[in-house]
Amino acid sequence: LKNEGYPFAVVRDPEVVIDHETRLGDLDMTVDPGGKRNFGRIVQTGEKQPFDARHTQRLARFKPGELYNQAEVDDLKRALIATGIVAVADVKPVPGPTPDTADIAVWLEPAPYRTLAGEAGYG
């Protein structure tokens, strides 16, 4: 469901009832889809973010208004970490300003600074 526009879908634990006399069983699974949503805006959370929401949106392969897809959110998380600027990324949907949108909350922990040094010579 999360790849089909339902970011807040919840599937409860199944309940199984077995009638041993008739050798029949019932399986009850409760699903709350949480409403179909489109991507909203990217919202940066936390202090000292390595870059702003506008830059994060450039890395995303989705645009606001497109149908929500969890695979694209996971792809954004991988892209953020692949920059080398981010050590940890928490990327998750949160309710947007309207009932048909889901904003994407992004919290980033900067990676340790690295030093690059080199020498050149001419003889």
N, C-alpha and C. Protein backbone atom coordinates (compact mmCIF):
# COMPACT_ATOMS: atom_id res chain seq x y z
N LEU A 1 0.81 -1.21 0.00
CA LEU A 1 0.00 0.00 0.00
C LEU A 1 0.85 1.28 0.00
N LYS A 2 2.01 1.20 0.68
CA LYS A 2 2.85 2.39 0.79
C LYS A 2 3.48 2.79 -0.54
N ASN A 3 3.55 1.88 -1.50
CA ASN A 3 4.05 2.22 -2.83
C ASN A 3 2.91 2.60 -3.78
N GLU A 4 1.70 2.63 -3.26
CA GLU A 4 0.53 2.95 -4.09
C GLU A 4 -0.20 4.20 -3.60
N GLY A 5 0.49 5.05 -2.83
CA GLY A 5 -0.12 6.31 -2.41
C GLY A 5 -0.68 6.34 -1.01
N TYR A 6 -0.39 5.34 -0.19
CA TYR A 6 -0.93 5.27 1.17
C TYR A 6 0.21 5.26 2.19
N PRO A 7 0.79 6.42 2.51
CA PRO A 7 1.95 6.46 3.40
C PRO A 7 1.64 6.09 4.84
N PHE A 8 0.41 6.22 5.26
CA PHE A 8 0.07 5.98 6.67
C PHE A 8 -0.74 4.70 6.85
N ALA A 9 -0.66 3.80 5.88
CA ALA A 9 -1.38 2.53 5.96
C ALA A 9 -0.85 1.69 7.13
N VAL A 10 -1.78 1.05 7.83
CA VAL A 10 -1.42 0.19 8.95
C VAL A 10 -2.14 -1.14 8.77
N VAL A 11 -1.37 -2.23 8.81
CA VAL A 11 -1.95 -3.57 8.75
C VAL A 11 -1.77 -4.17 10.14
N ARG A 12 -2.87 -4.44 10.79
CA ARG A 12 -2.84 -4.99 12.15
C ARG A 12 -2.47 -6.47 12.11
N ASP A 13 -2.05 -7.00 13.24
CA ASP A 13 -1.73 -8.42 13.35
C ASP A 13 -2.96 -9.25 13.00
N PRO A 14 -2.76 -10.32 12.25
CA PRO A 14 -3.90 -11.16 11.86
C PRO A 14 -4.44 -11.94 13.07
N GLU A 15 -5.74 -12.18 13.03
CA GLU A 15 -6.39 -13.00 14.04
C GLU A 15 -6.89 -14.26 13.35
N VAL A 16 -6.53 -15.40 13.92
CA VAL A 16 -6.91 -16.69 13.34
C VAL A 16 -7.83 -17.40 14.33
N VAL A 17 -8.95 -17.88 13.81
CA VAL A 17 -9.89 -18.67 14.60
C VAL A 17 -10.05 -20.01 13.90
N ILE A 18 -9.76 -21.09 14.62
CA ILE A 18 -9.85 -22.44 14.06
C ILE A 18 -11.00 -23.19 14.73
N ASP A 19 -11.85 -23.76 13.90
CA ASP A 19 -12.91 -24.66 14.39
C ASP A 19 -12.42 -26.08 14.16
N HIS A 20 -11.98 -26.72 15.25
CA HIS A 20 -11.39 -28.06 15.12
C HIS A 20 -12.40 -29.13 14.72
N GLU A 21 -13.65 -28.93 15.06
CA GLU A 21 -14.67 -29.92 14.68
C GLU A 21 -14.89 -29.95 13.18
N THR A 22 -15.00 -28.77 12.58
CA THR A 22 -15.26 -28.71 11.14
C THR A 22 -13.97 -28.63 10.32
N ARG A 23 -12.86 -28.46 11.01
CA ARG A 23 -11.55 -28.32 10.35
C ARG A 23 -11.51 -27.11 9.41
N LEU A 24 -12.15 -26.06 9.83
CA LEU A 24 -12.16 -24.81 9.07
C LEU A 24 -11.57 -23.70 9.93
N GLY A 25 -11.05 -22.70 9.27
CA GLY A 25 -10.50 -21.57 9.99
C GLY A 25 -10.86 -20.26 9.33
N ASP A 26 -10.82 -19.22 10.12
CA ASP A 26 -11.06 -17.86 9.63
C ASP A 26 -9.83 -17.01 9.93
N LEU A 27 -9.42 -16.24 8.95
CA LEU A 27 -8.31 -15.32 9.11
C LEU A 27 -8.86 -13.91 8.96
N ASP A 28 -8.65 -13.10 9.99
CA ASP A 28 -9.15 -11.73 9.99
C ASP A 28 -7.96 -10.78 10.04
N MET A 29 -7.81 -9.96 8.99
CA MET A 29 -6.75 -8.95 8.95
C MET A 29 -7.38 -7.58 8.80
N THR A 30 -7.09 -6.71 9.75
CA THR A 30 -7.63 -5.37 9.71
C THR A 30 -6.61 -4.44 9.05
N VAL A 31 -7.07 -3.72 8.04
CA VAL A 31 -6.20 -2.79 7.32
C VAL A 31 -6.83 -1.40 7.38
N ASP A 32 -6.04 -0.44 7.84
CA ASP A 32 -6.46 0.96 7.84
C ASP A 32 -5.57 1.68 6.82
N PRO A 33 -6.09 2.00 5.62
CA PRO A 33 -5.25 2.58 4.58
C PRO A 33 -4.77 4.00 4.90
N GLY A 34 -5.47 4.72 5.76
CA GLY A 34 -5.01 6.04 6.15
C GLY A 34 -5.19 7.13 5.10
N GLY A 35 -5.82 6.84 4.01
CA GLY A 35 -6.09 7.85 2.99
C GLY A 35 -4.99 7.96 1.95
N LYS A 36 -5.40 8.09 0.70
CA LYS A 36 -4.45 8.22 -0.42
C LYS A 36 -3.87 9.63 -0.40
N ARG A 37 -2.56 9.72 -0.60
CA ARG A 37 -1.88 11.02 -0.51
C ARG A 37 -0.93 11.24 -1.68
N ASN A 38 -0.70 12.51 -1.94
CA ASN A 38 0.32 12.95 -2.88
C ASN A 38 1.48 13.53 -2.08
N PHE A 39 2.65 13.56 -2.71
CA PHE A 39 3.79 14.19 -2.05
C PHE A 39 3.50 15.66 -1.82
N GLY A 40 3.85 16.13 -0.63
CA GLY A 40 3.78 17.55 -0.32
C GLY A 40 5.18 18.13 -0.43
N ARG A 41 5.55 18.93 0.55
CA ARG A 41 6.88 19.55 0.51
C ARG A 41 7.86 18.80 1.41
N ILE A 42 9.11 19.06 1.22
CA ILE A 42 10.14 18.50 2.09
C ILE A 42 10.36 19.47 3.23
N VAL A 43 10.35 18.94 4.46
CA VAL A 43 10.50 19.75 5.66
C VAL A 43 11.75 19.26 6.39
N GLN A 44 12.75 20.13 6.52
CA GLN A 44 13.96 19.78 7.26
C GLN A 44 13.68 19.97 8.75
N THR A 45 14.13 19.02 9.57
CA THR A 45 13.97 19.13 11.02
C THR A 45 15.34 19.04 11.67
N GLY A 46 15.44 19.53 12.88
CA GLY A 46 16.71 19.47 13.60
C GLY A 46 17.56 20.69 13.34
N GLU A 47 18.65 20.76 14.10
CA GLU A 47 19.58 21.88 13.98
C GLU A 47 20.80 21.47 13.15
N LYS A 48 21.50 22.46 12.65
CA LYS A 48 22.76 22.25 11.92
C LYS A 48 22.64 21.24 10.79
N GLN A 49 21.69 21.47 9.92
CA GLN A 49 21.53 20.61 8.76
C GLN A 49 22.63 20.92 7.74
N PRO A 50 23.20 19.88 7.09
CA PRO A 50 24.27 20.13 6.13
C PRO A 50 23.82 20.91 4.90
N PHE A 51 22.54 20.80 4.54
CA PHE A 51 21.99 21.62 3.47
C PHE A 51 20.50 21.79 3.70
N ASP A 52 19.88 22.69 2.94
CA ASP A 52 18.48 23.05 3.19
C ASP A 52 17.50 22.18 2.40
N ALA A 53 16.20 22.42 2.65
CA ALA A 53 15.14 21.63 2.03
C ALA A 53 15.14 21.78 0.50
N ARG A 54 15.52 22.94 0.01
CA ARG A 54 15.56 23.14 -1.44
C ARG A 54 16.58 22.21 -2.10
N HIS A 55 17.75 22.08 -1.47
CA HIS A 55 18.78 21.18 -2.00
C HIS A 55 18.31 19.72 -1.89
N THR A 56 17.68 19.38 -0.79
CA THR A 56 17.15 18.02 -0.61
C THR A 56 16.13 17.71 -1.70
N GLN A 57 15.27 18.67 -2.05
CA GLN A 57 14.28 18.46 -3.10
C GLN A 57 14.95 18.20 -4.45
N ARG A 58 16.10 18.82 -4.68
CA ARG A 58 16.83 18.57 -5.93
C ARG A 58 17.33 17.13 -6.02
N LEU A 59 17.67 16.54 -4.86
CA LEU A 59 18.13 15.15 -4.85
C LEU A 59 16.97 14.16 -5.01
N ALA A 60 15.78 14.58 -4.63
CA ALA A 60 14.60 13.69 -4.70
C ALA A 60 14.20 13.44 -6.14
N ARG A 61 13.73 12.23 -6.40
CA ARG A 61 13.25 11.89 -7.74
C ARG A 61 11.75 12.04 -7.86
N PHE A 62 11.15 12.69 -6.88
CA PHE A 62 9.72 12.95 -6.91
C PHE A 62 9.50 14.45 -6.76
N LYS A 63 8.36 14.89 -7.22
CA LYS A 63 7.98 16.30 -7.14
C LYS A 63 6.71 16.43 -6.30
N PRO A 64 6.54 17.57 -5.63
CA PRO A 64 5.28 17.79 -4.92
C PRO A 64 4.10 17.65 -5.88
N GLY A 65 3.05 16.97 -5.41
CA GLY A 65 1.87 16.75 -6.23
C GLY A 65 1.81 15.37 -6.85
N GLU A 66 2.95 14.67 -6.95
CA GLU A 66 2.95 13.31 -7.49
C GLU A 66 2.42 12.34 -6.43
N LEU A 67 1.89 11.21 -6.88
CA LEU A 67 1.37 10.20 -5.97
C LEU A 67 2.47 9.68 -5.07
N TYR A 68 2.18 9.56 -3.77
CA TYR A 68 3.17 9.10 -2.80
C TYR A 68 3.62 7.68 -3.14
N ASN A 69 4.94 7.45 -2.98
CA ASN A 69 5.51 6.14 -3.23
C ASN A 69 6.68 5.96 -2.27
N GLN A 70 6.59 4.98 -1.37
CA GLN A 70 7.62 4.76 -0.36
C GLN A 70 8.97 4.42 -0.98
N ALA A 71 8.98 3.75 -2.12
CA ALA A 71 10.24 3.41 -2.78
C ALA A 71 11.02 4.68 -3.14
N GLU A 72 10.33 5.74 -3.51
CA GLU A 72 11.00 6.99 -3.85
C GLU A 72 11.52 7.70 -2.61
N VAL A 73 10.84 7.53 -1.48
CA VAL A 73 11.32 8.09 -0.21
C VAL A 73 12.60 7.34 0.21
N ASP A 74 12.59 6.02 0.08
CA ASP A 74 13.78 5.22 0.39
C ASP A 74 14.95 5.60 -0.52
N ASP A 75 14.65 5.87 -1.79
CA ASP A 75 15.68 6.29 -2.75
C ASP A 75 16.29 7.63 -2.33
N LEU A 76 15.47 8.55 -1.84
CA LEU A 76 15.98 9.84 -1.37
C LEU A 76 16.93 9.64 -0.19
N LYS A 77 16.56 8.76 0.72
CA LYS A 77 17.43 8.49 1.88
C LYS A 77 18.79 7.98 1.41
N ARG A 78 18.79 7.04 0.47
CA ARG A 78 20.05 6.51 -0.06
C ARG A 78 20.85 7.61 -0.76
N ALA A 79 20.18 8.48 -1.50
CA ALA A 79 20.87 9.56 -2.22
C ALA A 79 21.50 10.56 -1.25
N LEU A 80 20.82 10.85 -0.15
CA LEU A 80 21.36 11.77 0.84
C LEU A 80 22.64 11.22 1.46
N ILE A 81 22.63 9.94 1.81
CA ILE A 81 23.81 9.32 2.41
C ILE A 81 24.93 9.20 1.39
N ALA A 82 24.59 8.96 0.14
CA ALA A 82 25.60 8.81 -0.92
C ALA A 82 26.37 10.09 -1.20
N THR A 83 25.85 11.24 -0.77
CA THR A 83 26.58 12.50 -0.98
C THR A 83 27.89 12.52 -0.21
N GLY A 84 27.99 11.71 0.86
CA GLY A 84 29.17 11.73 1.71
C GLY A 84 29.14 12.84 2.73
N ILE A 85 28.18 13.74 2.61
CA ILE A 85 28.04 14.86 3.54
C ILE A 85 27.18 14.45 4.74
N VAL A 86 26.40 13.39 4.58
CA VAL A 86 25.45 12.95 5.58
C VAL A 86 25.84 11.57 6.10
N ALA A 87 25.89 11.43 7.43
CA ALA A 87 26.19 10.13 8.05
C ALA A 87 24.91 9.34 8.30
N VAL A 88 23.87 10.03 8.79
CA VAL A 88 22.59 9.40 9.11
C VAL A 88 21.47 10.26 8.55
N ALA A 89 20.49 9.61 7.93
CA ALA A 89 19.32 10.32 7.40
C ALA A 89 18.06 9.64 7.89
N ASP A 90 17.16 10.41 8.47
CA ASP A 90 15.84 9.92 8.86
C ASP A 90 14.84 10.62 7.95
N VAL A 91 14.22 9.86 7.06
CA VAL A 91 13.32 10.42 6.06
C VAL A 91 11.99 9.69 6.21
N LYS A 92 10.93 10.44 6.56
CA LYS A 92 9.64 9.78 6.78
C LYS A 92 8.48 10.72 6.43
N PRO A 93 7.33 10.13 6.08
CA PRO A 93 6.17 10.95 5.77
C PRO A 93 5.52 11.49 7.04
N VAL A 94 5.00 12.69 6.95
CA VAL A 94 4.21 13.30 8.02
C VAL A 94 2.98 13.93 7.34
N PRO A 95 1.87 14.05 8.07
CA PRO A 95 0.69 14.67 7.46
C PRO A 95 1.01 16.06 6.92
N GLY A 96 0.53 16.33 5.72
CA GLY A 96 0.74 17.63 5.09
C GLY A 96 -0.33 18.63 5.52
N PRO A 97 -0.30 19.83 4.96
CA PRO A 97 -1.26 20.86 5.33
C PRO A 97 -2.69 20.58 4.85
N THR A 98 -2.83 19.68 3.87
CA THR A 98 -4.16 19.31 3.39
C THR A 98 -4.34 17.80 3.55
N PRO A 99 -5.58 17.31 3.60
CA PRO A 99 -5.81 15.88 3.82
C PRO A 99 -5.30 14.97 2.70
N ASP A 100 -4.97 15.54 1.55
CA ASP A 100 -4.52 14.70 0.43
C ASP A 100 -3.01 14.78 0.19
N THR A 101 -2.25 15.38 1.14
CA THR A 101 -0.81 15.47 0.98
C THR A 101 -0.07 14.87 2.17
N ALA A 102 1.14 14.42 1.89
CA ALA A 102 2.06 13.94 2.92
C ALA A 102 3.38 14.67 2.71
N ASP A 103 3.76 15.50 3.67
CA ASP A 103 5.06 16.14 3.61
C ASP A 103 6.12 15.10 3.97
N ILE A 104 7.35 15.36 3.59
CA ILE A 104 8.45 14.45 3.90
C ILE A 104 9.37 15.16 4.90
N ALA A 105 9.40 14.62 6.13
CA ALA A 105 10.26 15.17 7.17
C ALA A 105 11.65 14.56 7.03
N VAL A 106 12.66 15.42 6.98
CA VAL A 106 14.04 14.96 6.79
C VAL A 106 14.89 15.50 7.93
N TRP A 107 15.52 14.57 8.65
CA TRP A 107 16.49 14.91 9.69
C TRP A 107 17.81 14.31 9.27
N LEU A 108 18.86 15.13 9.27
CA LEU A 108 20.16 14.68 8.80
C LEU A 108 21.22 14.89 9.88
N GLU A 109 22.09 13.91 10.01
CA GLU A 109 23.26 14.06 10.87
C GLU A 109 24.47 14.20 9.95
N PRO A 110 25.17 15.32 10.04
CA PRO A 110 26.32 15.52 9.16
C PRO A 110 27.40 14.46 9.38
N ALA A 111 28.07 14.10 8.31
CA ALA A 111 29.19 13.17 8.39
C ALA A 111 30.41 13.92 8.94
N PRO A 112 31.36 13.20 9.50
CA PRO A 112 32.57 13.87 9.98
C PRO A 112 33.29 14.56 8.82
N TYR A 113 33.91 15.67 9.14
CA TYR A 113 34.67 16.38 8.10
C TYR A 113 35.87 15.56 7.70
N ARG A 114 36.20 15.65 6.44
CA ARG A 114 37.36 14.95 5.92
C ARG A 114 38.35 15.98 5.38
N THR A 115 39.60 15.62 5.37
CA THR A 115 40.63 16.50 4.85
C THR A 115 41.24 15.87 3.62
N LEU A 116 41.42 16.66 2.63
CA LEU A 116 42.06 16.20 1.40
C LEU A 116 43.31 17.05 1.21
N ALA A 117 44.43 16.40 1.09
CA ALA A 117 45.68 17.14 0.91
C ALA A 117 46.42 16.56 -0.28
N GLY A 118 47.26 17.34 -0.85
CA GLY A 118 48.04 16.87 -1.99
C GLY A 118 49.28 17.72 -2.19
N GLU A 119 50.16 17.24 -3.03
CA GLU A 119 51.38 17.98 -3.36
C GLU A 119 51.61 17.89 -4.86
N ALA A 120 52.19 18.89 -5.36
CA ALA A 120 52.58 18.91 -6.76
C ALA A 120 53.98 19.46 -6.86
N GLY A 121 54.72 19.01 -7.81
CA GLY A 121 56.07 19.50 -7.97
C GLY A 121 56.43 19.65 -9.44
N TYR A 122 57.44 20.41 -9.69
CA TYR A 122 57.91 20.63 -11.05
C TYR A 122 59.43 20.67 -11.00
N GLY A 123 60.06 19.91 -11.82
CA GLY A 123 61.50 19.87 -11.70
C GLY A 123 62.25 20.04 -12.96
